[in-house]
Protein backbone atom coordinates (compact mmCIF):
# COMPACT_ATOMS: atom_id res chain seq x y z
CA UNK A 1 46.09 27.53 -69.45
CA UNK A 2 47.53 24.57 -67.58
CA UNK A 3 50.58 26.53 -66.48
CA UNK A 4 48.28 29.27 -65.11
CA UNK A 5 46.29 26.76 -63.04
CA UNK A 6 49.49 25.18 -61.68
CA UNK A 7 50.90 28.59 -60.83
CA UNK A 8 47.66 29.51 -59.05
CA UNK A 9 47.73 26.26 -57.00
CA UNK A 10 51.36 26.79 -55.98
CA UNK A 11 50.64 30.42 -55.04
CA UNK A 12 47.68 29.53 -52.79
CA UNK A 13 49.00 26.21 -51.37
CA UNK A 14 49.19 27.62 -47.83
CA UNK A 15 45.58 28.74 -48.01
CA UNK A 16 44.57 25.26 -49.22
CA UNK A 17 46.35 23.68 -46.24
CA UNK A 18 44.54 26.02 -43.86
CA UNK A 19 41.20 25.26 -45.47
CA UNK A 20 41.92 21.53 -45.25
CA UNK A 21 42.80 21.90 -41.56
CA UNK A 22 39.61 23.86 -40.87
CA UNK A 23 37.60 21.24 -42.77
CA UNK A 24 39.17 18.43 -40.71
CA UNK A 25 38.42 20.26 -37.46
CA UNK A 26 34.87 20.87 -38.67
CA UNK A 27 34.47 17.18 -39.61
CA UNK A 28 35.84 16.16 -36.19
CA UNK A 29 33.40 18.53 -34.46
CA UNK A 30 30.41 17.27 -36.48
CA UNK A 31 31.38 13.65 -35.83
CA UNK A 32 31.74 14.36 -32.11
CA UNK A 33 28.35 16.13 -32.07
CA UNK A 34 26.73 13.18 -33.85
CA UNK A 35 28.27 10.74 -31.36
CA UNK A 36 27.07 12.80 -28.39
CA UNK A 37 23.61 13.07 -29.94
CA UNK A 38 23.49 9.32 -30.62
CA UNK A 39 24.65 8.57 -27.08
CA UNK A 40 21.97 10.89 -25.70
CA UNK A 41 19.41 9.06 -27.85
CA UNK A 42 20.68 5.72 -26.54
CA UNK A 43 20.50 7.02 -22.97
CA UNK A 44 16.96 8.24 -23.60
CA UNK A 45 16.03 4.91 -25.18
CA UNK A 46 17.54 3.08 -22.20
CA UNK A 47 15.51 5.23 -19.80
CA UNK A 48 12.38 4.54 -21.85
CA UNK A 49 13.11 0.80 -21.90
CA UNK A 50 13.62 0.77 -18.13
CA UNK A 51 10.39 2.67 -17.61
CA UNK A 52 8.50 0.23 -19.85
CA UNK A 53 10.06 -2.69 -17.98
CA UNK A 54 9.02 -1.19 -14.67
CA UNK A 55 5.46 -0.64 -15.91
CA UNK A 56 5.29 -4.16 -17.33
CA UNK A 57 6.58 -5.62 -14.07
CA UNK A 58 4.00 -3.67 -12.09
CA UNK A 59 1.26 -4.85 -14.44
CA UNK A 60 2.41 -8.46 -14.16
CA UNK A 61 2.40 -8.16 -10.37
CA UNK A 62 -1.20 -6.92 -10.50
CA UNK A 63 -2.12 -9.87 -12.73
CA UNK A 64 -0.33 -12.30 -10.41
CA UNK A 65 -2.21 -10.92 -7.41
CA UNK A 66 -5.51 -11.13 -9.31
CA UNK A 67 -4.87 -14.74 -10.28
CA UNK A 68 -3.90 -15.49 -6.68
CA UNK A 69 -7.07 -13.81 -5.36
CA UNK A 70 -9.21 -15.70 -7.89
CA UNK A 71 -7.62 -18.98 -6.83
CA UNK A 72 -8.17 -18.28 -3.14
CA UNK A 73 -11.79 -17.31 -3.89
CA UNK A 74 -12.30 -20.64 -5.70
CA UNK A 75 -10.84 -22.53 -2.73
CA UNK A 76 -13.12 -20.71 -0.30
CA UNK A 77 -16.15 -21.27 -2.55
CA UNK A 78 -15.45 -25.02 -2.60
CA UNK A 79 -15.11 -25.05 1.21
CA UNK A 80 -18.38 -23.15 1.60
CA UNK A 81 -20.24 -25.41 -0.85
CA UNK A 82 -18.96 -28.55 0.84
CA UNK A 83 -19.98 -27.24 4.27
CA UNK A 84 -23.45 -26.56 2.87
CA UNK A 85 -23.50 -30.07 1.35
CA UNK A 86 -22.61 -31.71 4.69
CA UNK A 87 -25.10 -29.67 6.70
CA UNK A 88 -28.06 -29.72 4.30
CA UNK A 89 -27.81 -32.62 1.84
CA UNK A 90 -28.59 -35.50 4.18
CA UNK A 91 -25.90 -37.54 2.40
CA UNK A 92 -23.66 -37.72 5.45
CA UNK A 93 -24.81 -40.87 7.23
CA UNK A 94 -23.39 -44.06 8.67
CA UNK A 95 -21.59 -46.05 5.95
CA UNK A 96 -22.29 -43.45 3.23
CA UNK A 97 -19.88 -42.13 0.60
CA UNK A 98 -20.05 -38.76 -1.14
CA UNK A 99 -21.61 -40.15 -4.29
CA UNK A 100 -24.67 -39.50 -6.40
CA UNK A 101 -26.74 -41.85 -8.50
CA UNK A 102 -26.26 -41.07 -12.16
CA UNK A 103 -28.30 -43.06 -14.70
CA UNK A 104 -26.16 -41.70 -17.55
CA UNK A 105 -22.87 -42.61 -15.90
CA UNK A 106 -20.95 -45.31 -17.73
CA UNK A 107 -18.90 -46.65 -14.82
CA UNK A 108 -19.31 -50.21 -13.59
CA UNK A 109 -20.47 -48.98 -10.21
CA UNK A 110 -23.25 -46.74 -11.57
CA UNK A 111 -22.48 -43.71 -9.41
CA UNK A 112 -20.36 -40.58 -9.55
CA UNK A 113 -18.65 -38.43 -6.93
CA UNK A 114 -20.90 -35.68 -5.62
CA UNK A 115 -20.16 -32.28 -7.10
CA UNK A 116 -19.36 -30.48 -3.80
CA UNK A 117 -16.86 -33.17 -2.84
CA UNK A 118 -15.30 -33.12 -6.31
CA UNK A 119 -14.98 -29.32 -6.12
CA UNK A 120 -13.37 -29.69 -2.71
CA UNK A 121 -10.80 -32.07 -4.17
CA UNK A 122 -10.10 -29.62 -7.00
CA UNK A 123 -9.70 -26.80 -4.48
CA UNK A 124 -7.23 -28.98 -2.58
CA UNK A 125 -5.13 -29.41 -5.74
CA UNK A 126 -5.47 -25.71 -6.55
CA UNK A 127 -4.22 -24.80 -3.08
CA UNK A 128 -0.99 -26.64 -3.90
CA UNK A 129 -0.46 -24.20 -6.77
CA UNK A 130 -1.24 -21.16 -4.63
CA UNK A 131 1.32 -21.69 -1.85
CA UNK A 132 2.34 -24.02 0.93
CA UNK A 133 0.30 -22.53 3.85
CA UNK A 134 -3.09 -22.81 2.10
CA UNK A 135 -2.12 -26.30 0.93
CA UNK A 136 -1.44 -27.42 4.53
CA UNK A 137 -4.76 -25.88 5.59
CA UNK A 138 -6.60 -27.66 2.78
CA UNK A 139 -4.86 -30.94 3.64
CA UNK A 140 -6.41 -30.72 7.11
CA UNK A 141 -9.84 -29.87 5.64
CA UNK A 142 -9.64 -32.80 3.19
CA UNK A 143 -8.78 -35.17 6.04
CA UNK A 144 -11.83 -33.94 7.96
CA UNK A 145 -14.04 -34.26 4.87
CA UNK A 146 -12.78 -37.77 4.11
CA UNK A 147 -13.35 -38.68 7.75
CA UNK A 148 -17.09 -38.20 7.21
CA UNK A 149 -17.30 -40.96 4.59
CA UNK A 150 -17.99 -44.62 5.32
CA UNK A 151 -18.10 -44.11 9.10
CA UNK A 152 -19.10 -47.50 10.62
CA UNK A 153 -21.19 -46.32 13.61
CA UNK A 154 -23.38 -43.39 14.58
CA UNK A 155 -21.40 -42.39 17.72
CA UNK A 156 -18.19 -41.93 15.73
CA UNK A 157 -20.08 -40.11 12.99
CA UNK A 158 -21.60 -37.77 15.61
CA UNK A 159 -18.13 -36.96 16.99
CA UNK A 160 -16.76 -36.27 13.52
CA UNK A 161 -19.70 -34.05 12.62
CA UNK A 162 -19.19 -32.06 15.85
CA UNK A 163 -15.51 -31.62 14.97
CA UNK A 164 -16.57 -30.67 11.44
CA UNK A 165 -18.90 -27.96 12.77
CA UNK A 166 -16.13 -26.55 14.99
CA UNK A 167 -13.60 -26.37 12.15
CA UNK A 168 -15.84 -25.49 9.19
CA UNK A 169 -17.21 -22.06 10.09
CA UNK A 170 -17.15 -20.54 6.60
CA UNK A 171 -16.45 -17.01 7.82
CA UNK A 172 -13.52 -18.14 9.94
CA UNK A 173 -12.27 -20.23 7.02
CA UNK A 174 -12.40 -17.15 4.77
CA UNK A 175 -10.34 -15.17 7.28
CA UNK A 176 -7.89 -18.05 7.66
CA UNK A 177 -7.41 -18.35 3.89
CA UNK A 178 -6.87 -14.61 3.65
CA UNK A 179 -4.31 -14.79 6.42
CA UNK A 180 -2.48 -17.74 4.83
CA UNK A 181 -2.32 -16.34 1.31
């Protein structure tokens, strides 16, 4: 039987070579098709990744703008509250500081900084984080606010309060902050 099998293999050797050649071409074609398919998948994945990156960037920009708007709103709120404090509290007087009596305060002096002035200071520091133009604007407002403390005489205090009223129109301040930010 072995001689018959060997004779059969020798007789059909040419056919075997052709079949092997066709199989190699078929393997090459399938490999090429797989590579093209994989590359198309990679290209599709790259497009998807870029689209996701673009969407994430847009979302982060929205969040950044929202945080910025919230910060500017907090600055304006502090300016408005301080203006109300100066106009209506009666705490702006000759030789006065922006303090409040606090029986529960543990400091040696027995007083604490008034809340509107403390909020104004915090808004000043917050403006530094927002950007340079609002920070410069808040620096000017802080100087005006500080100028109302411990004023030695009533004439000078009257001049500073007039200047305060000219510069602290809350609606104009809101527009100015919007413009600067």
